[in-house]
Amino acid sequence: MKTSYEAIQLVLAQGGQLTTVNLRDWITNNIVPLILLAIAVILLWIGGRGDNAGVARRSIGLLVGLIALGIAVTGSGPAIGQALANLLVTPG
């Protein structure tokens, strides 16, 4: 039985590349929708109690979190950072 270290060495010796693409895809396809569903249920539950201000306050925080999650999942952080920097300074 091979240890995980030996298995990694075997993959790398055969010219393979270790990536996290499958794990990232699984998280994107399974965990993210489950989290979004839980968020929706919680917001509906809070709204059902009549705390509309609480729902609005939490929604803004969740929106910021979802934007950060979207940037992390797509890997477009450097491009977004460059676009924001271009708003402040002239590229030269």
N, C-alpha and C. Protein backbone atom coordinates (compact mmCIF):
# COMPACT_ATOMS: atom_id res chain seq x y z
N MET A 1 0.84 -1.18 0.00
CA MET A 1 0.00 0.00 0.00
C MET A 1 0.89 1.24 0.00
N LYS A 2 0.60 2.16 -0.87
CA LYS A 2 1.40 3.37 -1.00
C LYS A 2 0.88 4.44 -0.06
N THR A 3 1.83 5.18 0.47
CA THR A 3 1.43 6.34 1.26
C THR A 3 1.05 7.47 0.31
N SER A 4 0.40 8.48 0.84
CA SER A 4 0.02 9.58 -0.03
C SER A 4 1.24 10.31 -0.58
N TYR A 5 2.34 10.35 0.19
CA TYR A 5 3.56 10.99 -0.29
C TYR A 5 4.11 10.22 -1.49
N GLU A 6 4.10 8.89 -1.42
CA GLU A 6 4.58 8.08 -2.54
C GLU A 6 3.66 8.22 -3.75
N ALA A 7 2.39 8.32 -3.53
CA ALA A 7 1.44 8.48 -4.63
C ALA A 7 1.66 9.83 -5.33
N ILE A 8 1.93 10.86 -4.55
CA ILE A 8 2.21 12.17 -5.14
C ILE A 8 3.49 12.13 -5.95
N GLN A 9 4.53 11.48 -5.41
CA GLN A 9 5.78 11.35 -6.14
C GLN A 9 5.58 10.61 -7.45
N LEU A 10 4.76 9.57 -7.45
CA LEU A 10 4.49 8.79 -8.65
C LEU A 10 3.79 9.65 -9.70
N VAL A 11 2.81 10.44 -9.29
CA VAL A 11 2.10 11.31 -10.23
C VAL A 11 3.05 12.33 -10.83
N LEU A 12 3.88 12.94 -9.99
CA LEU A 12 4.80 13.96 -10.48
C LEU A 12 5.89 13.36 -11.36
N ALA A 13 6.34 12.14 -11.04
CA ALA A 13 7.37 11.48 -11.84
C ALA A 13 6.87 11.13 -13.23
N GLN A 14 5.59 10.90 -13.36
CA GLN A 14 5.02 10.56 -14.66
C GLN A 14 4.64 11.80 -15.45
N GLY A 15 5.09 12.96 -15.01
CA GLY A 15 4.80 14.19 -15.73
C GLY A 15 3.42 14.74 -15.42
N GLY A 16 2.79 14.23 -14.42
CA GLY A 16 1.45 14.70 -14.05
C GLY A 16 1.52 16.02 -13.31
N GLN A 17 0.38 16.57 -13.11
CA GLN A 17 0.28 17.84 -12.42
C GLN A 17 -0.81 17.72 -11.37
N LEU A 18 -0.51 18.17 -10.17
CA LEU A 18 -1.49 18.13 -9.10
C LEU A 18 -2.28 19.43 -9.12
N THR A 19 -3.60 19.31 -9.22
CA THR A 19 -4.46 20.49 -9.22
C THR A 19 -5.63 20.27 -8.26
N THR A 20 -6.32 21.34 -8.01
CA THR A 20 -7.52 21.26 -7.16
C THR A 20 -8.77 21.53 -7.97
N VAL A 21 -8.70 21.29 -9.28
CA VAL A 21 -9.84 21.59 -10.16
C VAL A 21 -11.06 20.76 -9.77
N ASN A 22 -10.88 19.47 -9.53
CA ASN A 22 -12.03 18.62 -9.20
C ASN A 22 -12.65 19.03 -7.87
N LEU A 23 -11.82 19.35 -6.89
CA LEU A 23 -12.34 19.79 -5.60
C LEU A 23 -13.08 21.11 -5.74
N ARG A 24 -12.50 22.04 -6.50
CA ARG A 24 -13.14 23.34 -6.71
C ARG A 24 -14.48 23.19 -7.42
N ASP A 25 -14.52 22.32 -8.43
CA ASP A 25 -15.77 22.08 -9.15
C ASP A 25 -16.82 21.48 -8.24
N TRP A 26 -16.41 20.53 -7.39
CA TRP A 26 -17.35 19.90 -6.48
C TRP A 26 -17.92 20.92 -5.49
N ILE A 27 -17.05 21.78 -4.95
CA ILE A 27 -17.52 22.81 -4.02
C ILE A 27 -18.47 23.76 -4.73
N THR A 28 -18.09 24.17 -5.96
CA THR A 28 -18.92 25.11 -6.71
C THR A 28 -20.29 24.51 -7.04
N ASN A 29 -20.32 23.24 -7.38
CA ASN A 29 -21.57 22.60 -7.80
C ASN A 29 -22.43 22.10 -6.64
N ASN A 30 -21.85 21.88 -5.46
CA ASN A 30 -22.62 21.28 -4.37
C ASN A 30 -22.73 22.17 -3.13
N ILE A 31 -21.63 22.67 -2.65
CA ILE A 31 -21.64 23.41 -1.39
C ILE A 31 -22.23 24.82 -1.57
N VAL A 32 -21.82 25.51 -2.63
CA VAL A 32 -22.29 26.89 -2.83
C VAL A 32 -23.82 26.96 -2.96
N PRO A 33 -24.47 26.11 -3.78
CA PRO A 33 -25.95 26.17 -3.82
C PRO A 33 -26.59 25.85 -2.47
N LEU A 34 -26.00 24.94 -1.70
CA LEU A 34 -26.54 24.61 -0.39
C LEU A 34 -26.44 25.81 0.55
N ILE A 35 -25.32 26.52 0.50
CA ILE A 35 -25.16 27.72 1.33
C ILE A 35 -26.16 28.79 0.92
N LEU A 36 -26.34 28.98 -0.39
CA LEU A 36 -27.29 29.99 -0.86
C LEU A 36 -28.72 29.64 -0.45
N LEU A 37 -29.07 28.37 -0.49
CA LEU A 37 -30.39 27.93 -0.05
C LEU A 37 -30.58 28.21 1.44
N ALA A 38 -29.57 27.91 2.24
CA ALA A 38 -29.65 28.17 3.68
C ALA A 38 -29.80 29.66 3.96
N ILE A 39 -29.06 30.49 3.21
CA ILE A 39 -29.17 31.94 3.39
C ILE A 39 -30.58 32.41 3.07
N ALA A 40 -31.15 31.91 1.98
CA ALA A 40 -32.50 32.31 1.59
C ALA A 40 -33.52 31.92 2.65
N VAL A 41 -33.39 30.72 3.20
CA VAL A 41 -34.33 30.26 4.24
C VAL A 41 -34.20 31.12 5.49
N ILE A 42 -32.98 31.44 5.88
CA ILE A 42 -32.78 32.26 7.07
C ILE A 42 -33.37 33.66 6.87
N LEU A 43 -33.15 34.25 5.69
CA LEU A 43 -33.68 35.58 5.43
C LEU A 43 -35.21 35.57 5.41
N LEU A 44 -35.81 34.53 4.85
CA LEU A 44 -37.27 34.43 4.85
C LEU A 44 -37.80 34.26 6.27
N TRP A 45 -37.09 33.51 7.09
CA TRP A 45 -37.50 33.29 8.48
C TRP A 45 -37.43 34.61 9.26
N ILE A 46 -36.34 35.36 9.07
CA ILE A 46 -36.21 36.65 9.76
C ILE A 46 -37.27 37.62 9.26
N GLY A 47 -37.50 37.63 7.95
CA GLY A 47 -38.53 38.51 7.39
C GLY A 47 -39.92 38.16 7.87
N GLY A 48 -40.17 36.88 8.10
CA GLY A 48 -41.48 36.44 8.59
C GLY A 48 -41.76 36.93 9.99
N ARG A 49 -40.74 37.26 10.76
CA ARG A 49 -40.93 37.79 12.10
C ARG A 49 -41.19 39.28 12.09
N GLY A 50 -41.09 39.91 10.91
CA GLY A 50 -41.36 41.33 10.80
C GLY A 50 -40.14 42.21 10.96
N ASP A 51 -38.96 41.62 11.02
CA ASP A 51 -37.73 42.40 11.19
C ASP A 51 -37.14 42.74 9.82
N ASN A 52 -37.83 43.62 9.08
CA ASN A 52 -37.39 43.97 7.74
C ASN A 52 -36.06 44.71 7.74
N ALA A 53 -35.81 45.51 8.75
CA ALA A 53 -34.52 46.21 8.84
C ALA A 53 -33.38 45.22 9.04
N GLY A 54 -33.64 44.20 9.83
CA GLY A 54 -32.63 43.15 10.04
C GLY A 54 -32.33 42.40 8.77
N VAL A 55 -33.37 42.13 7.98
CA VAL A 55 -33.18 41.45 6.71
C VAL A 55 -32.35 42.31 5.77
N ALA A 56 -32.64 43.59 5.70
CA ALA A 56 -31.90 44.50 4.82
C ALA A 56 -30.44 44.59 5.25
N ARG A 57 -30.20 44.69 6.55
CA ARG A 57 -28.83 44.80 7.06
C ARG A 57 -28.04 43.53 6.77
N ARG A 58 -28.64 42.39 6.98
CA ARG A 58 -27.96 41.12 6.71
C ARG A 58 -27.77 40.89 5.22
N SER A 59 -28.71 41.36 4.42
CA SER A 59 -28.62 41.18 2.97
C SER A 59 -27.42 41.92 2.40
N ILE A 60 -27.13 43.11 2.91
CA ILE A 60 -25.97 43.86 2.43
C ILE A 60 -24.69 43.10 2.77
N GLY A 61 -24.59 42.60 3.97
CA GLY A 61 -23.42 41.82 4.36
C GLY A 61 -23.28 40.55 3.53
N LEU A 62 -24.39 39.89 3.27
CA LEU A 62 -24.36 38.68 2.46
C LEU A 62 -23.98 38.99 1.02
N LEU A 63 -24.42 40.12 0.50
CA LEU A 63 -24.07 40.51 -0.86
C LEU A 63 -22.56 40.72 -0.99
N VAL A 64 -21.97 41.38 -0.01
CA VAL A 64 -20.52 41.57 -0.02
C VAL A 64 -19.81 40.21 0.06
N GLY A 65 -20.30 39.33 0.90
CA GLY A 65 -19.71 37.99 1.00
C GLY A 65 -19.85 37.19 -0.28
N LEU A 66 -20.99 37.29 -0.94
CA LEU A 66 -21.19 36.57 -2.20
C LEU A 66 -20.30 37.12 -3.31
N ILE A 67 -20.05 38.43 -3.30
CA ILE A 67 -19.13 39.02 -4.27
C ILE A 67 -17.73 38.46 -4.04
N ALA A 68 -17.31 38.39 -2.79
CA ALA A 68 -15.98 37.84 -2.48
C ALA A 68 -15.91 36.36 -2.88
N LEU A 69 -16.98 35.61 -2.65
CA LEU A 69 -17.01 34.21 -3.04
C LEU A 69 -16.93 34.07 -4.56
N GLY A 70 -17.64 34.91 -5.27
CA GLY A 70 -17.60 34.88 -6.73
C GLY A 70 -16.21 35.18 -7.27
N ILE A 71 -15.53 36.14 -6.66
CA ILE A 71 -14.17 36.46 -7.10
C ILE A 71 -13.24 35.28 -6.81
N ALA A 72 -13.40 34.65 -5.66
CA ALA A 72 -12.53 33.54 -5.30
C ALA A 72 -12.77 32.32 -6.19
N VAL A 73 -14.01 32.04 -6.51
CA VAL A 73 -14.34 30.84 -7.31
C VAL A 73 -13.91 31.01 -8.76
N THR A 74 -14.09 32.20 -9.32
CA THR A 74 -13.76 32.39 -10.72
C THR A 74 -12.28 32.65 -10.95
N GLY A 75 -11.55 33.05 -9.92
CA GLY A 75 -10.13 33.33 -10.08
C GLY A 75 -9.85 34.62 -10.80
N SER A 76 -10.80 35.52 -10.83
CA SER A 76 -10.64 36.78 -11.55
C SER A 76 -10.20 37.92 -10.65
N GLY A 77 -9.62 37.60 -9.51
CA GLY A 77 -9.17 38.62 -8.56
C GLY A 77 -8.18 39.61 -9.14
N PRO A 78 -7.11 39.14 -9.82
CA PRO A 78 -6.15 40.10 -10.39
C PRO A 78 -6.78 41.04 -11.42
N ALA A 79 -7.67 40.54 -12.25
CA ALA A 79 -8.30 41.39 -13.27
C ALA A 79 -9.20 42.43 -12.61
N ILE A 80 -9.93 42.04 -11.57
CA ILE A 80 -10.79 42.99 -10.87
C ILE A 80 -9.95 44.03 -10.13
N GLY A 81 -8.85 43.59 -9.52
CA GLY A 81 -7.95 44.52 -8.85
C GLY A 81 -7.36 45.53 -9.82
N GLN A 82 -6.98 45.06 -11.00
CA GLN A 82 -6.43 45.96 -12.02
C GLN A 82 -7.49 46.96 -12.47
N ALA A 83 -8.73 46.51 -12.66
CA ALA A 83 -9.80 47.41 -13.08
C ALA A 83 -10.07 48.47 -12.00
N LEU A 84 -10.05 48.08 -10.73
CA LEU A 84 -10.27 49.04 -9.65
C LEU A 84 -9.10 50.02 -9.56
N ALA A 85 -7.89 49.53 -9.76
CA ALA A 85 -6.73 50.42 -9.74
C ALA A 85 -6.78 51.42 -10.89
N ASN A 86 -7.28 50.99 -12.04
CA ASN A 86 -7.40 51.89 -13.19
C ASN A 86 -8.43 52.99 -12.95
N LEU A 87 -9.37 52.78 -12.04
CA LEU A 87 -10.33 53.82 -11.70
C LEU A 87 -9.65 54.95 -10.92
N LEU A 88 -8.59 54.60 -10.18
CA LEU A 88 -7.93 55.58 -9.32
C LEU A 88 -6.74 56.26 -9.98
N VAL A 89 -6.01 55.53 -10.80
CA VAL A 89 -4.81 56.09 -11.44
C VAL A 89 -4.87 55.83 -12.92
N THR A 90 -4.16 56.65 -13.66
CA THR A 90 -4.09 56.47 -15.11
C THR A 90 -3.01 55.46 -15.41
N PRO A 91 -3.35 54.39 -16.16
CA PRO A 91 -2.31 53.41 -16.48
C PRO A 91 -1.24 54.05 -17.35
N GLY A 92 -0.02 53.75 -17.05
CA GLY A 92 1.02 54.40 -17.82
C GLY A 92 2.17 53.57 -17.94
